[in-house]
Amino acid sequence: MPTQWMLDLATPIDLGVQPYHDHLHALACQIFEDASEAHHADDKPFTARLLGPPDKCVGVVLNWLPDTSPPVAALPERLRFGAHWCEVTGAQMRRIPLDRLADTAQGRRVRLAVVTPAKFRQHGRDYPLPDPYLIYSTLARRFRSAGGQAADDDVRDLSRSALLYAHDIHTEKYRWHGTTSAGFIGTIALGLPRTATPSASRLFAILNGFAVIAGLGHGTTHGLGAVDVLPP
C-alpha cells in the first residue's frame, strides 16, 4: 500500500525561474534512501512532485510506492530550493490501497493532465512523446514492483491495444544534472478499443490511478512526469 506525504510551505515560492528538479530529488533521496541503496537505479521506489505550479509552489508531495513500511524517520522542518529556504508548516500522510486505484479513473477512456515535462528512455535515447505502449508498459512494471498484481496477458494486451485518441501538448525545456533536456506537457486522451477484455480494462483504470502517484516516464524522483486525472 503506497504512502503519500504532503508537505505545506509557510508561503508560496516561485520556482519557475530556477531549476528545482535536482533539489527536489535530493530531498526525496535524503528521506527515502539509505547507504545501501543503489542511487543510480533505473526504477526507484519513490517519487516526488511539487504541490501547485512551479511559479506558485505551495508544498511538496512525496510518494513511497511499495507495499512495505516506508523508511521515513522524520520529515524536515525546512526545505531548500537553491538559495531559498522554505519553512514547512504542516504535513499530511495517507495510505493509498492499490486495489482502490481503479476508482480514480474508471472506464475505457481517460484524460490526463501532464503538468511537468515527461519523457521516456527508449534504447538509451530520450523520447518526449506520449506513446501509449511506453506509458502503460512502464506503469505496469512499476506497479508490479510496488506489489501490485497484474497478469502477463493483461499487461501485454493493454500495452499493445491502448490508443492515443487526442492530445494538446507542447515541448518544454528544463534543467537537471547541469544539462538541458526537454519533455512534453499538456493534456492527453487515452483509451482502449471495445474489444478489450474486462481484465485489461480494469488494469487500464488501475494504472491510470497509479500514474497520479508514480508519474510518467523518466525522472519522476525529480518531479518530472507529474500527472493528474481530468474529468471525462
Protein backbone atom coordinates (compact mmCIF):
# COMPACT_ATOMS: atom_id res chain seq x y z
CA MET A 1 0.00 0.00 0.00
CA PRO A 2 1.77 3.19 -1.14
CA THR A 3 2.20 6.03 1.35
CA GLN A 4 1.94 9.71 0.48
CA TRP A 5 3.06 12.82 2.35
CA MET A 6 2.02 16.37 1.52
CA LEU A 7 4.34 19.00 3.00
CA ASP A 8 2.85 22.51 3.18
CA LEU A 9 5.06 25.59 2.90
CA ALA A 10 4.59 28.70 5.01
CA THR A 11 4.41 30.92 1.92
CA PRO A 12 4.20 30.14 -1.83
CA ILE A 13 7.52 30.20 -3.65
CA ASP A 14 8.30 30.94 -7.29
CA LEU A 15 10.43 28.08 -8.66
CA GLY A 16 9.65 28.86 -12.29
CA VAL A 17 12.78 30.98 -12.73
CA GLN A 18 15.30 28.48 -11.39
CA PRO A 19 15.97 24.75 -11.81
CA TYR A 20 14.33 22.87 -8.96
CA HIS A 21 14.42 19.25 -10.13
CA ASP A 22 17.80 18.39 -8.59
CA HIS A 23 16.82 19.96 -5.25
CA LEU A 24 13.53 18.04 -5.19
CA HIS A 25 15.41 14.83 -5.98
CA ALA A 26 17.93 15.50 -3.20
CA LEU A 27 15.10 15.98 -0.72
CA ALA A 28 13.42 12.71 -1.70
CA CYS A 29 16.70 10.78 -1.56
CA GLN A 30 17.51 12.24 1.85
CA ILE A 31 14.21 10.97 3.22
CA PHE A 32 13.86 7.63 1.47
CA GLU A 33 17.36 6.29 0.72
CA ASP A 34 19.95 4.74 3.00
CA ALA A 35 23.63 3.97 2.43
CA SER A 36 22.89 0.55 0.90
CA GLU A 37 20.57 1.92 -1.80
CA ALA A 38 21.56 1.90 -5.47
CA HIS A 39 21.39 5.65 -6.02
CA HIS A 40 21.51 5.41 -9.81
CA ALA A 41 18.97 2.59 -10.21
CA ASP A 42 16.57 2.99 -13.13
CA ASP A 43 13.45 2.37 -11.05
CA LYS A 44 13.34 3.79 -7.54
CA PRO A 45 10.59 3.01 -5.04
CA PHE A 46 9.60 6.65 -4.53
CA THR A 47 8.55 9.75 -6.45
CA ALA A 48 8.33 13.46 -5.74
CA ARG A 49 6.42 16.38 -7.20
CA LEU A 50 5.59 19.98 -6.39
CA LEU A 51 2.26 20.92 -4.88
CA GLY A 52 0.91 23.55 -7.23
CA PRO A 53 2.54 25.04 -10.34
CA PRO A 54 6.28 25.85 -10.20
CA ASP A 55 5.68 29.61 -10.17
CA LYS A 56 3.30 29.30 -7.20
CA CYS A 57 4.58 26.24 -5.36
CA VAL A 58 2.80 25.76 -2.02
CA GLY A 59 4.34 22.46 -0.99
CA VAL A 60 5.87 19.13 -1.93
CA VAL A 61 4.27 15.71 -2.41
CA LEU A 62 6.39 12.62 -1.62
CA ASN A 63 5.21 9.11 -2.53
CA TRP A 64 6.58 5.80 -1.26
CA LEU A 65 5.32 3.26 -3.81
CA PRO A 66 5.95 -0.28 -2.43
CA ASP A 67 3.55 -2.16 -0.23
CA THR A 68 6.07 -2.02 2.60
CA SER A 69 6.71 0.29 5.54
CA PRO A 70 8.39 3.49 4.30
CA PRO A 71 11.82 4.30 5.75
CA VAL A 72 10.82 7.75 7.00
CA ALA A 73 12.13 8.61 10.44
CA ALA A 74 11.38 12.33 10.49
CA LEU A 75 10.19 14.85 7.96
CA PRO A 76 12.20 18.07 7.54
CA GLU A 77 11.09 21.34 9.11
CA ARG A 78 12.63 23.34 6.26
CA LEU A 79 13.09 22.65 2.54
CA ARG A 80 15.90 24.06 0.41
CA PHE A 81 15.44 25.04 -3.23
CA GLY A 82 18.70 26.58 -4.39
CA ALA A 83 19.25 29.75 -2.35
CA HIS A 84 15.71 29.59 -0.91
CA TRP A 85 14.87 28.01 2.43
CA CYS A 86 11.18 27.32 2.96
CA GLU A 87 9.51 26.63 6.30
CA VAL A 88 7.26 23.56 6.46
CA THR A 89 4.09 24.40 8.35
CA GLY A 90 2.27 21.11 8.11
CA ALA A 91 2.41 17.55 6.85
CA GLN A 92 -0.38 15.12 6.00
CA MET A 93 0.14 11.41 5.45
CA ARG A 94 -2.21 8.94 3.82
CA ARG A 95 -2.07 5.32 2.69
CA ILE A 96 -3.30 4.50 -0.82
CA PRO A 97 -4.62 0.93 -1.31
CA LEU A 98 -3.52 -0.40 -4.70
CA ASP A 99 -6.83 -2.18 -5.22
CA ARG A 100 -8.68 1.16 -4.94
CA LEU A 101 -6.73 2.92 -7.68
CA ALA A 102 -9.29 1.95 -10.30
CA ASP A 103 -11.76 4.28 -8.56
CA THR A 104 -9.66 7.25 -9.69
CA ALA A 105 -10.22 6.73 -13.41
CA GLN A 106 -12.88 4.23 -14.42
CA GLY A 107 -13.95 3.22 -17.91
CA ARG A 108 -12.13 2.68 -21.20
CA ARG A 109 -11.20 6.36 -21.70
CA VAL A 110 -9.11 8.74 -19.61
CA ARG A 111 -7.84 12.32 -19.89
CA LEU A 112 -4.56 13.07 -18.18
CA ALA A 113 -3.04 16.47 -17.49
CA VAL A 114 0.75 16.23 -17.73
CA VAL A 115 1.77 19.18 -15.57
CA THR A 116 5.58 18.83 -15.60
CA PRO A 117 7.75 17.71 -18.55
CA ALA A 118 7.51 13.99 -19.25
CA LYS A 119 9.82 11.87 -21.36
CA PHE A 120 10.70 8.22 -21.78
CA ARG A 121 14.03 6.49 -22.23
CA GLN A 122 13.95 4.13 -25.21
CA HIS A 123 17.10 2.25 -26.24
CA GLY A 124 19.27 4.78 -24.42
CA ARG A 125 17.65 7.80 -26.07
CA ASP A 126 15.13 10.37 -24.85
CA TYR A 127 11.63 10.02 -26.28
CA PRO A 128 9.50 13.07 -25.32
CA LEU A 129 6.20 11.86 -26.79
CA PRO A 130 3.08 10.25 -25.23
CA ASP A 131 3.48 6.80 -26.75
CA PRO A 132 0.66 4.58 -25.32
CA TYR A 133 2.83 1.46 -25.37
CA LEU A 134 5.58 3.13 -23.35
CA ILE A 135 3.10 4.75 -20.98
CA TYR A 136 1.38 1.53 -19.95
CA SER A 137 4.30 -0.89 -20.17
CA THR A 138 6.39 1.30 -17.84
CA LEU A 139 3.46 1.94 -15.50
CA ALA A 140 2.78 -1.81 -15.33
CA ARG A 141 6.42 -2.53 -14.49
CA ARG A 142 6.46 -0.01 -11.66
CA PHE A 143 3.04 -1.15 -10.44
CA ARG A 144 4.31 -4.70 -10.14
CA SER A 145 7.48 -3.59 -8.38
CA ALA A 146 5.26 -1.76 -5.87
CA GLY A 147 3.45 -5.02 -5.08
CA GLY A 148 0.52 -4.69 -7.45
CA GLN A 149 -0.94 -7.73 -9.19
CA ALA A 150 -1.08 -7.68 -12.99
CA ALA A 151 -1.26 -10.78 -15.19
CA ASP A 152 1.20 -11.03 -18.07
CA ASP A 153 -1.61 -11.42 -20.61
CA ASP A 154 -3.38 -8.30 -19.34
CA VAL A 155 -0.19 -6.23 -19.41
CA ARG A 156 0.58 -7.39 -22.95
CA ASP A 157 -2.98 -6.81 -24.18
CA LEU A 158 -3.17 -3.37 -22.60
CA SER A 159 0.23 -2.19 -23.81
CA ARG A 160 -0.46 -3.28 -27.38
CA SER A 161 -4.06 -2.10 -27.66
CA ALA A 162 -4.00 1.25 -25.80
CA LEU A 163 -4.67 4.18 -28.12
CA LEU A 164 -3.87 7.88 -28.05
CA TYR A 165 -7.16 9.49 -29.12
CA ALA A 166 -6.23 13.16 -28.76
CA HIS A 167 -3.60 15.44 -27.33
CA ASP A 168 -2.87 19.09 -26.75
CA ILE A 169 0.82 19.11 -25.84
CA HIS A 170 3.95 21.11 -26.38
CA THR A 171 7.61 20.62 -25.63
CA GLU A 172 9.10 22.31 -22.60
CA LYS A 173 12.77 22.50 -21.68
CA TYR A 174 14.09 22.00 -18.16
CA ARG A 175 17.49 21.78 -16.49
CA TRP A 176 18.78 18.96 -14.33
CA HIS A 177 22.19 17.45 -13.62
CA GLY A 178 23.75 20.54 -15.18
CA THR A 179 22.27 19.86 -18.62
CA THR A 180 19.18 20.91 -20.55
CA SER A 181 16.57 18.33 -21.54
CA ALA A 182 13.01 18.51 -22.80
CA GLY A 183 9.70 16.74 -22.27
CA PHE A 184 6.07 17.16 -23.21
CA ILE A 185 3.37 18.82 -21.11
CA GLY A 186 -0.33 19.33 -21.75
CA THR A 187 -3.37 17.04 -21.94
CA ILE A 188 -3.61 13.59 -23.47
CA ALA A 189 -6.67 11.40 -24.04
CA LEU A 190 -6.08 7.64 -23.96
CA GLY A 191 -8.36 4.68 -24.28
CA LEU A 192 -9.00 1.07 -25.19
CA PRO A 193 -10.98 -0.37 -28.10
CA ARG A 194 -14.32 -2.05 -27.49
CA THR A 195 -12.66 -5.43 -27.98
CA ALA A 196 -10.56 -5.01 -24.82
CA THR A 197 -11.11 -7.72 -22.23
CA PRO A 198 -12.70 -6.81 -18.88
CA SER A 199 -9.47 -7.63 -17.03
CA ALA A 200 -7.39 -5.46 -19.37
CA SER A 201 -9.93 -2.64 -18.95
CA ARG A 202 -9.67 -2.88 -15.17
CA LEU A 203 -5.87 -2.82 -15.36
CA PHE A 204 -6.15 0.25 -17.59
CA ALA A 205 -8.17 2.04 -14.90
CA ILE A 206 -5.80 0.93 -12.13
CA LEU A 207 -2.68 2.13 -13.97
CA ASN A 208 -4.28 5.50 -14.71
CA GLY A 209 -4.84 5.93 -10.99
CA PHE A 210 -1.33 4.69 -10.27
CA ALA A 211 0.10 7.29 -12.67
CA VAL A 212 -1.05 10.06 -10.33
CA ILE A 213 1.31 8.85 -7.60
CA ALA A 214 4.02 7.23 -9.75
CA GLY A 215 4.26 9.78 -12.56
CA LEU A 216 5.04 9.11 -16.21
CA GLY A 217 8.35 8.23 -17.75
CA HIS A 218 11.89 9.08 -16.70
CA GLY A 219 12.87 11.29 -13.77
CA THR A 220 9.79 11.00 -11.58
CA THR A 221 12.01 11.25 -8.48
CA HIS A 222 12.92 14.73 -9.75
CA GLY A 223 9.33 15.91 -10.13
CA LEU A 224 9.17 15.12 -13.85
CA GLY A 225 6.17 13.47 -15.49
CA ALA A 226 3.67 14.59 -12.83
CA VAL A 227 0.09 13.92 -13.96
CA ASP A 228 -3.48 14.41 -12.76
CA VAL A 229 -6.64 12.69 -13.96
CA LEU A 230 -9.10 15.13 -15.56
CA PRO A 231 -12.89 14.81 -15.70
CA PRO A 232 -14.03 12.89 -18.80
